[in-house]
């Protein structure tokens, strides 16, 4: 074993300690980066699933509205006219 008062052995011990600490920090940082990538991939997958679901529900809603319009064409025209009239009144109000 070396003399603790020897500056060369103290510097060597400090260098080894720092090197070990750097290796540990590097390992932890690499693991954190991998975990962040995994989380990002999962978030993307879930977001895509939500978007696809919303898109499908929007298509279903359009089909329901089209069916109602085809089933009640006169009522649909009257409702559309009333909505248009209401929007016109609101937009020209001062």
Foldseek 3Di string as FASTA:
>chain_A
DDDPVDPVVVVVVVVVVVVVVVVVVVVVVVVVVVVVVVVVVVVVVVVVVVVVVVVVVVVVVVVVVVVVCVVPVVVVVVVVVVVVVVVVCVVPDD
